[in-house]
Amino acid sequence: MWALILALVAAVVASATAITTGMQGDMYVFAYSWTPEFCYNQPTYTGCFTPQDYWGKYFIVHGLWPQYSAGGYPQTCTTEAFNTSVPTAIGWSTMTTYWPNVKVAETDSTYDSFWEHEWTKHGTCSGLTQYNYFQDSINLLKKFGTPASVTANVGGNISATTLRNDFGGSSKVALQCNGGAYLVGAYTCWSQTNGVPSAQITCPSDVISEDTCTKTTLYIQAFSKGRAQIEA
């Protein structure tokens, strides 16, 4: 059994060494998600009932999206179907920790539908193999994932200006909030080399315009906690 699994992993990794197509777009938007807020008041999201410890302290991956620096983005660039063996090759626990589908239980047959969606809509425009697309996204999260100010203020407030600065400045991040004040995610922008994200860059104006955090003070939701009232 182990020999079969190792052979499968080796085959997937080996096939990931070449660029399958050229990248569509010239940069990336890297989308982070703050799980406690995403899960807040969502009684049908099964995965939110027993969250992993990691999700309560750090951002997870929402997606890595090819983008045009002049504005707009490509989507669904090839017909290459999602390969269900890729998450196993990367490591199931790695995928479910850093890029989970919290809407359903891990045992649900539709669990990988989130990954399938991200690959089909965005990954097919990256020029990367499926293995590299998912692994490079996780590597980016691990290296440039969560400002220390977020982890230190879970369940409390943070200045919107401070958070934008901690992401590189207001020109390099578009924060995402529910109700203007409750942090639910962020978009950062990245240059790329042969489809691999390489350095954080200034975001195009159409990305910055998607910033939905309109309050000067933001609330960082914790699991199993109620909502603070943000007046500022």
C-alpha atoms as a PDB file:
ATOM      1  CA  MET A   1       0.000   0.000   0.000  1.00  0.00           C
ATOM      2  CA  TRP A   2       2.739   2.469   0.987  1.00  0.00           C
ATOM      3  CA  ALA A   3       4.647   1.642  -2.171  1.00  0.00           C
ATOM      4  CA  LEU A   4       1.584   2.528  -4.233  1.00  0.00           C
ATOM      5  CA  ILE A   5       1.100   5.819  -2.389  1.00  0.00           C
ATOM      6  CA  LEU A   6       4.766   6.751  -2.765  1.00  0.00           C
ATOM      7  CA  ALA A   7       4.636   5.935  -6.456  1.00  0.00           C
ATOM      8  CA  LEU A   8       1.560   8.147  -6.874  1.00  0.00           C
ATOM      9  CA  VAL A   9       3.209  11.038  -5.069  1.00  0.00           C
ATOM     10  CA  ALA A  10       6.393  10.658  -7.117  1.00  0.00           C
ATOM     11  CA  ALA A  11       4.420  10.679 -10.353  1.00  0.00           C
ATOM     12  CA  VAL A  12       2.502  13.819  -9.424  1.00  0.00           C
ATOM     13  CA  VAL A  13       5.646  15.632  -8.254  1.00  0.00           C
ATOM     14  CA  ALA A  14       7.555  14.618 -11.367  1.00  0.00           C
ATOM     15  CA  SER A  15       4.816  15.967 -13.605  1.00  0.00           C
ATOM     16  CA  ALA A  16       4.934  19.279 -11.741  1.00  0.00           C
ATOM     17  CA  THR A  17       8.403  20.303 -12.889  1.00  0.00           C
ATOM     18  CA  ALA A  18       7.329  21.864 -16.181  1.00  0.00           C
ATOM     19  CA  ILE A  19       5.133  24.814 -17.019  1.00  0.00           C
ATOM     20  CA  THR A  20       2.076  23.420 -18.796  1.00  0.00           C
ATOM     21  CA  THR A  21       1.040  26.685 -20.498  1.00  0.00           C
ATOM     22  CA  GLY A  22       2.116  30.291 -20.434  1.00  0.00           C
ATOM     23  CA  MET A  23       0.665  32.419 -17.660  1.00  0.00           C
ATOM     24  CA  GLN A  24      -2.293  34.593 -18.574  1.00  0.00           C
ATOM     25  CA  GLY A  25      -1.907  37.930 -16.826  1.00  0.00           C
ATOM     26  CA  ASP A  26       1.338  39.473 -15.585  1.00  0.00           C
ATOM     27  CA  MET A  27       0.942  39.406 -11.780  1.00  0.00           C
ATOM     28  CA  TYR A  28      -1.025  37.810  -8.961  1.00  0.00           C
ATOM     29  CA  VAL A  29      -3.545  38.797  -6.353  1.00  0.00           C
ATOM     30  CA  PHE A  30      -3.064  36.622  -3.283  1.00  0.00           C
ATOM     31  CA  ALA A  31      -6.292  36.357  -1.320  1.00  0.00           C
ATOM     32  CA  TYR A  32      -6.217  35.595   2.416  1.00  0.00           C
ATOM     33  CA  SER A  33      -9.211  34.558   4.506  1.00  0.00           C
ATOM     34  CA  TRP A  34      -9.806  35.105   8.242  1.00  0.00           C
ATOM     35  CA  THR A  35     -11.704  31.966   9.215  1.00  0.00           C
ATOM     36  CA  PRO A  36     -13.313  33.034  12.525  1.00  0.00           C
ATOM     37  CA  GLU A  37     -15.106  35.911  10.783  1.00  0.00           C
ATOM     38  CA  PHE A  38     -15.895  33.813   7.701  1.00  0.00           C
ATOM     39  CA  CYS A  39     -17.463  31.254  10.037  1.00  0.00           C
ATOM     40  CA  TYR A  40     -19.279  33.782  12.213  1.00  0.00           C
ATOM     41  CA  ASN A  41     -23.025  33.133  12.313  1.00  0.00           C
ATOM     42  CA  GLN A  42     -22.805  30.383   9.686  1.00  0.00           C
ATOM     43  CA  PRO A  43     -24.635  27.426  11.281  1.00  0.00           C
ATOM     44  CA  THR A  44     -24.548  25.368   8.076  1.00  0.00           C
ATOM     45  CA  TYR A  45     -20.752  25.454   7.659  1.00  0.00           C
ATOM     46  CA  THR A  46     -19.870  22.088   9.186  1.00  0.00           C
ATOM     47  CA  GLY A  47     -16.116  22.646   9.234  1.00  0.00           C
ATOM     48  CA  CYS A  48     -16.559  25.692  11.447  1.00  0.00           C
ATOM     49  CA  PHE A  49     -17.906  23.619  14.341  1.00  0.00           C
ATOM     50  CA  THR A  50     -14.507  22.056  15.157  1.00  0.00           C
ATOM     51  CA  PRO A  51     -11.932  24.519  13.805  1.00  0.00           C
ATOM     52  CA  GLN A  52      -8.245  23.773  13.741  1.00  0.00           C
ATOM     53  CA  ASP A  53      -6.135  25.830  16.152  1.00  0.00           C
ATOM     54  CA  TYR A  54      -4.225  27.325  13.234  1.00  0.00           C
ATOM     55  CA  TRP A  55      -7.344  28.968  11.791  1.00  0.00           C
ATOM     56  CA  GLY A  56      -7.938  30.929  14.985  1.00  0.00           C
ATOM     57  CA  LYS A  57      -4.509  32.601  14.877  1.00  0.00           C
ATOM     58  CA  TYR A  58      -3.518  32.909  11.240  1.00  0.00           C
ATOM     59  CA  PHE A  59      -4.939  33.673   7.824  1.00  0.00           C
ATOM     60  CA  ILE A  60      -5.610  30.786   5.470  1.00  0.00           C
ATOM     61  CA  VAL A  61      -5.455  30.753   1.663  1.00  0.00           C
ATOM     62  CA  HIS A  62      -8.499  31.850  -0.248  1.00  0.00           C
ATOM     63  CA  GLY A  63      -6.790  31.814  -3.618  1.00  0.00           C
ATOM     64  CA  LEU A  64      -3.905  32.819  -5.863  1.00  0.00           C
ATOM     65  CA  TRP A  65      -5.390  34.756  -8.775  1.00  0.00           C
ATOM     66  CA  PRO A  66      -3.626  35.779 -11.993  1.00  0.00           C
ATOM     67  CA  GLN A  67      -4.265  39.462 -12.682  1.00  0.00           C
ATOM     68  CA  TYR A  68      -3.470  42.092 -15.292  1.00  0.00           C
ATOM     69  CA  SER A  69      -1.505  45.024 -13.845  1.00  0.00           C
ATOM     70  CA  ALA A  70      -3.431  47.272 -16.251  1.00  0.00           C
ATOM     71  CA  GLY A  71      -6.688  46.055 -14.675  1.00  0.00           C
ATOM     72  CA  GLY A  72      -8.928  43.022 -14.824  1.00  0.00           C
ATOM     73  CA  TYR A  73      -8.069  39.346 -14.713  1.00  0.00           C
ATOM     74  CA  PRO A  74      -8.248  36.203 -16.851  1.00  0.00           C
ATOM     75  CA  GLN A  75     -10.268  33.170 -15.838  1.00  0.00           C
ATOM     76  CA  THR A  76     -10.819  29.558 -16.911  1.00  0.00           C
ATOM     77  CA  CYS A  77      -7.914  29.621 -19.346  1.00  0.00           C
ATOM     78  CA  THR A  78      -7.743  25.887 -20.143  1.00  0.00           C
ATOM     79  CA  THR A  79     -10.013  22.869 -19.911  1.00  0.00           C
ATOM     80  CA  GLU A  80      -7.577  20.912 -17.716  1.00  0.00           C
ATOM     81  CA  ALA A  81      -9.683  19.112 -15.112  1.00  0.00           C
ATOM     82  CA  PHE A  82      -8.819  19.215 -11.417  1.00  0.00           C
ATOM     83  CA  ASN A  83      -6.618  16.266 -10.436  1.00  0.00           C
ATOM     84  CA  THR A  84      -7.979  14.797  -7.197  1.00  0.00           C
ATOM     85  CA  SER A  85      -4.632  13.129  -6.428  1.00  0.00           C
ATOM     86  CA  VAL A  86      -2.780  16.448  -6.066  1.00  0.00           C
ATOM     87  CA  PRO A  87      -3.978  17.249  -2.493  1.00  0.00           C
ATOM     88  CA  THR A  88      -2.762  13.808  -1.393  1.00  0.00           C
ATOM     89  CA  ALA A  89       0.597  14.377  -3.071  1.00  0.00           C
ATOM     90  CA  ILE A  90       1.023  17.718  -1.305  1.00  0.00           C
ATOM     91  CA  GLY A  91      -0.287  16.270   1.952  1.00  0.00           C
ATOM     92  CA  TRP A  92      -3.925  16.144   2.981  1.00  0.00           C
ATOM     93  CA  SER A  93      -3.246  17.669   6.401  1.00  0.00           C
ATOM     94  CA  THR A  94      -1.240  20.468   4.775  1.00  0.00           C
ATOM     95  CA  MET A  95      -4.058  21.297   2.387  1.00  0.00           C
ATOM     96  CA  THR A  96      -6.766  21.157   5.061  1.00  0.00           C
ATOM     97  CA  THR A  97      -4.748  23.324   7.446  1.00  0.00           C
ATOM     98  CA  TYR A  98      -3.656  26.083   5.085  1.00  0.00           C
ATOM     99  CA  TRP A  99      -6.373  25.939   2.403  1.00  0.00           C
ATOM    100  CA  PRO A 100      -9.424  24.326   4.020  1.00  0.00           C
ATOM    101  CA  ASN A 101     -12.992  24.109   2.819  1.00  0.00           C
ATOM    102  CA  VAL A 102     -14.771  24.965   6.059  1.00  0.00           C
ATOM    103  CA  LYS A 103     -18.214  24.779   4.520  1.00  0.00           C
ATOM    104  CA  VAL A 104     -18.251  20.982   4.765  1.00  0.00           C
ATOM    105  CA  ALA A 105     -16.688  18.206   6.838  1.00  0.00           C
ATOM    106  CA  GLU A 106     -13.427  16.651   5.661  1.00  0.00           C
ATOM    107  CA  THR A 107     -15.267  13.371   5.161  1.00  0.00           C
ATOM    108  CA  ASP A 108     -17.748  14.963   2.758  1.00  0.00           C
ATOM    109  CA  SER A 109     -17.351  13.827  -0.835  1.00  0.00           C
ATOM    110  CA  THR A 110     -17.549  17.467  -1.981  1.00  0.00           C
ATOM    111  CA  TYR A 111     -14.706  18.672   0.256  1.00  0.00           C
ATOM    112  CA  ASP A 112     -12.300  19.195  -2.647  1.00  0.00           C
ATOM    113  CA  SER A 113     -14.852  21.265  -4.615  1.00  0.00           C
ATOM    114  CA  PHE A 114     -13.262  24.467  -3.278  1.00  0.00           C
ATOM    115  CA  TRP A 115      -9.847  23.456  -4.636  1.00  0.00           C
ATOM    116  CA  GLU A 116     -11.447  22.385  -7.895  1.00  0.00           C
ATOM    117  CA  HIS A 117     -13.093  25.803  -8.229  1.00  0.00           C
ATOM    118  CA  GLU A 118      -9.860  27.691  -7.524  1.00  0.00           C
ATOM    119  CA  TRP A 119      -7.911  25.559  -9.994  1.00  0.00           C
ATOM    120  CA  THR A 120     -10.532  25.768 -12.742  1.00  0.00           C
ATOM    121  CA  LYS A 121     -11.154  29.514 -12.505  1.00  0.00           C
ATOM    122  CA  HIS A 122      -7.715  30.778 -11.526  1.00  0.00           C
ATOM    123  CA  GLY A 123      -5.083  28.048 -11.544  1.00  0.00           C
ATOM    124  CA  THR A 124      -5.591  27.238 -15.199  1.00  0.00           C
ATOM    125  CA  CYS A 125      -4.406  30.789 -15.974  1.00  0.00           C
ATOM    126  CA  SER A 126      -1.204  30.508 -13.905  1.00  0.00           C
ATOM    127  CA  GLY A 127       0.878  28.483 -16.346  1.00  0.00           C
ATOM    128  CA  LEU A 128       1.755  26.176 -13.436  1.00  0.00           C
ATOM    129  CA  THR A 129       1.072  22.516 -12.959  1.00  0.00           C
ATOM    130  CA  GLN A 130      -1.617  21.773 -10.421  1.00  0.00           C
ATOM    131  CA  TYR A 131       0.880  20.543  -7.848  1.00  0.00           C
ATOM    132  CA  ASN A 132       2.959  23.711  -8.148  1.00  0.00           C
ATOM    133  CA  TYR A 133      -0.066  25.998  -8.171  1.00  0.00           C
ATOM    134  CA  PHE A 134      -1.321  24.705  -4.821  1.00  0.00           C
ATOM    135  CA  GLN A 135       2.115  24.213  -3.261  1.00  0.00           C
ATOM    136  CA  ASP A 136       3.403  27.642  -4.285  1.00  0.00           C
ATOM    137  CA  SER A 137       0.270  29.247  -2.828  1.00  0.00           C
ATOM    138  CA  ILE A 138       0.808  27.483   0.490  1.00  0.00           C
ATOM    139  CA  ASN A 139       4.500  28.407   0.470  1.00  0.00           C
ATOM    140  CA  LEU A 140       3.535  32.054  -0.015  1.00  0.00           C
ATOM    141  CA  LEU A 141       1.128  31.900   2.917  1.00  0.00           C
ATOM    142  CA  LYS A 142       3.760  30.320   5.155  1.00  0.00           C
ATOM    143  CA  LYS A 143       6.336  32.982   4.287  1.00  0.00           C
ATOM    144  CA  PHE A 144       4.162  36.109   4.093  1.00  0.00           C
ATOM    145  CA  GLY A 145       0.947  35.048   5.772  1.00  0.00           C
ATOM    146  CA  THR A 146      -0.197  36.808   8.920  1.00  0.00           C
ATOM    147  CA  PRO A 147       1.114  40.027  10.459  1.00  0.00           C
ATOM    148  CA  ALA A 148       2.024  39.556  14.114  1.00  0.00           C
ATOM    149  CA  SER A 149      -0.384  42.380  14.976  1.00  0.00           C
ATOM    150  CA  VAL A 150      -3.307  40.230  13.834  1.00  0.00           C
ATOM    151  CA  THR A 151      -2.379  37.181  15.906  1.00  0.00           C
ATOM    152  CA  ALA A 152      -1.720  39.413  18.929  1.00  0.00           C
ATOM    153  CA  ASN A 153      -5.168  41.033  18.747  1.00  0.00           C
ATOM    154  CA  VAL A 154      -7.504  38.106  18.070  1.00  0.00           C
ATOM    155  CA  GLY A 155     -10.781  38.852  19.792  1.00  0.00           C
ATOM    156  CA  GLY A 156      -9.963  42.555  19.953  1.00  0.00           C
ATOM    157  CA  ASN A 157      -9.460  45.685  17.906  1.00  0.00           C
ATOM    158  CA  ILE A 158      -6.730  46.960  15.631  1.00  0.00           C
ATOM    159  CA  SER A 159      -6.192  50.236  13.811  1.00  0.00           C
ATOM    160  CA  ALA A 160      -6.938  49.890  10.104  1.00  0.00           C
ATOM    161  CA  THR A 161      -3.907  52.052   9.357  1.00  0.00           C
ATOM    162  CA  THR A 162      -1.663  49.821  11.456  1.00  0.00           C
ATOM    163  CA  LEU A 163      -2.911  46.707   9.693  1.00  0.00           C
ATOM    164  CA  ARG A 164      -2.449  48.180   6.236  1.00  0.00           C
ATOM    165  CA  ASN A 165       1.081  49.234   7.162  1.00  0.00           C
ATOM    166  CA  ASP A 166       1.818  45.755   8.466  1.00  0.00           C
ATOM    167  CA  PHE A 167       0.801  44.382   5.065  1.00  0.00           C
ATOM    168  CA  GLY A 168       3.263  46.708   3.327  1.00  0.00           C
ATOM    169  CA  GLY A 169       1.276  49.928   3.133  1.00  0.00           C
ATOM    170  CA  SER A 170      -2.077  51.091   1.842  1.00  0.00           C
ATOM    171  CA  SER A 171      -0.966  50.771  -1.790  1.00  0.00           C
ATOM    172  CA  LYS A 172      -0.070  47.104  -1.375  1.00  0.00           C
ATOM    173  CA  VAL A 173      -3.146  45.627   0.272  1.00  0.00           C
ATOM    174  CA  ALA A 174      -6.918  45.715  -0.027  1.00  0.00           C
ATOM    175  CA  LEU A 175      -8.436  44.680   3.287  1.00  0.00           C
ATOM    176  CA  GLN A 176     -11.724  42.795   3.329  1.00  0.00           C
ATOM    177  CA  CYS A 177     -14.329  43.411   6.031  1.00  0.00           C
ATOM    178  CA  ASN A 178     -17.880  42.478   6.815  1.00  0.00           C
ATOM    179  CA  GLY A 179     -19.895  45.538   7.796  1.00  0.00           C
ATOM    180  CA  GLY A 180     -16.915  47.767   7.144  1.00  0.00           C
ATOM    181  CA  ALA A 181     -15.195  46.789  10.397  1.00  0.00           C
ATOM    182  CA  TYR A 182     -15.018  43.017  10.887  1.00  0.00           C
ATOM    183  CA  LEU A 183     -11.868  41.673   9.241  1.00  0.00           C
ATOM    184  CA  VAL A 184     -12.593  38.717   6.968  1.00  0.00           C
ATOM    185  CA  GLY A 185      -9.647  38.733   4.584  1.00  0.00           C
ATOM    186  CA  ALA A 186      -7.090  40.656   2.556  1.00  0.00           C
ATOM    187  CA  TYR A 187      -5.742  40.916  -0.984  1.00  0.00           C
ATOM    188  CA  THR A 188      -2.034  41.486  -1.627  1.00  0.00           C
ATOM    189  CA  CYS A 189      -0.313  41.807  -5.001  1.00  0.00           C
ATOM    190  CA  TRP A 190       2.714  39.939  -6.302  1.00  0.00           C
ATOM    191  CA  SER A 191       5.025  39.957  -9.273  1.00  0.00           C
ATOM    192  CA  GLN A 192       5.717  36.595 -10.890  1.00  0.00           C
ATOM    193  CA  THR A 193       8.530  34.752 -12.626  1.00  0.00           C
ATOM    194  CA  ASN A 194       7.421  31.924 -14.920  1.00  0.00           C
ATOM    195  CA  GLY A 195       4.146  31.821 -13.041  1.00  0.00           C
ATOM    196  CA  VAL A 196       5.714  31.645  -9.573  1.00  0.00           C
ATOM    197  CA  PRO A 197       4.861  34.556  -7.223  1.00  0.00           C
ATOM    198  CA  SER A 198       8.112  36.356  -6.408  1.00  0.00           C
ATOM    199  CA  ALA A 199       7.813  39.762  -4.693  1.00  0.00           C
ATOM    200  CA  GLN A 200       5.066  41.908  -3.212  1.00  0.00           C
ATOM    201  CA  ILE A 201       4.214  44.898  -5.401  1.00  0.00           C
ATOM    202  CA  THR A 202       1.902  47.885  -5.508  1.00  0.00           C
ATOM    203  CA  CYS A 203      -1.638  46.791  -6.319  1.00  0.00           C
ATOM    204  CA  PRO A 204      -3.513  48.029  -9.392  1.00  0.00           C
ATOM    205  CA  SER A 205      -6.210  50.590  -8.695  1.00  0.00           C
ATOM    206  CA  ASP A 206      -9.002  48.108  -9.402  1.00  0.00           C
ATOM    207  CA  VAL A 207      -7.690  45.835  -6.633  1.00  0.00           C
ATOM    208  CA  ILE A 208      -7.293  48.700  -4.143  1.00  0.00           C
ATOM    209  CA  SER A 209     -10.860  49.769  -4.923  1.00  0.00           C
ATOM    210  CA  GLU A 210     -12.044  46.410  -3.546  1.00  0.00           C
ATOM    211  CA  ASP A 211     -10.970  47.349  -0.022  1.00  0.00           C
ATOM    212  CA  THR A 212     -14.139  47.032   2.055  1.00  0.00           C
ATOM    213  CA  CYS A 213     -12.781  48.027   5.492  1.00  0.00           C
ATOM    214  CA  THR A 214     -14.273  51.497   5.854  1.00  0.00           C
ATOM    215  CA  LYS A 215     -13.852  51.983   9.611  1.00  0.00           C
ATOM    216  CA  THR A 216     -10.710  53.351  11.249  1.00  0.00           C
ATOM    217  CA  THR A 217     -10.859  50.637  13.913  1.00  0.00           C
ATOM    218  CA  LEU A 218     -11.273  46.991  12.906  1.00  0.00           C
ATOM    219  CA  TYR A 219     -12.336  43.957  14.921  1.00  0.00           C
ATOM    220  CA  ILE A 220     -10.517  40.620  14.620  1.00  0.00           C
ATOM    221  CA  GLN A 221     -13.081  37.943  15.318  1.00  0.00           C
ATOM    222  CA  ALA A 222     -12.189  34.962  17.520  1.00  0.00           C
ATOM    223  CA  PHE A 223     -13.940  31.616  17.457  1.00  0.00           C
ATOM    224  CA  SER A 224     -16.800  31.295  19.978  1.00  0.00           C
ATOM    225  CA  LYS A 225     -16.945  35.002  20.713  1.00  0.00           C
ATOM    226  CA  GLY A 226     -19.639  37.576  20.134  1.00  0.00           C
ATOM    227  CA  ARG A 227     -19.348  40.711  18.061  1.00  0.00           C
ATOM    228  CA  ALA A 228     -17.860  43.902  19.435  1.00  0.00           C
ATOM    229  CA  GLN A 229     -19.544  47.117  18.376  1.00  0.00           C
ATOM    230  CA  ILE A 230     -17.256  49.250  16.215  1.00  0.00           C
ATOM    231  CA  GLU A 231     -18.268  52.888  16.187  1.00  0.00           C
ATOM    232  CA  ALA A 232     -15.261  54.576  14.596  1.00  0.00           C
END
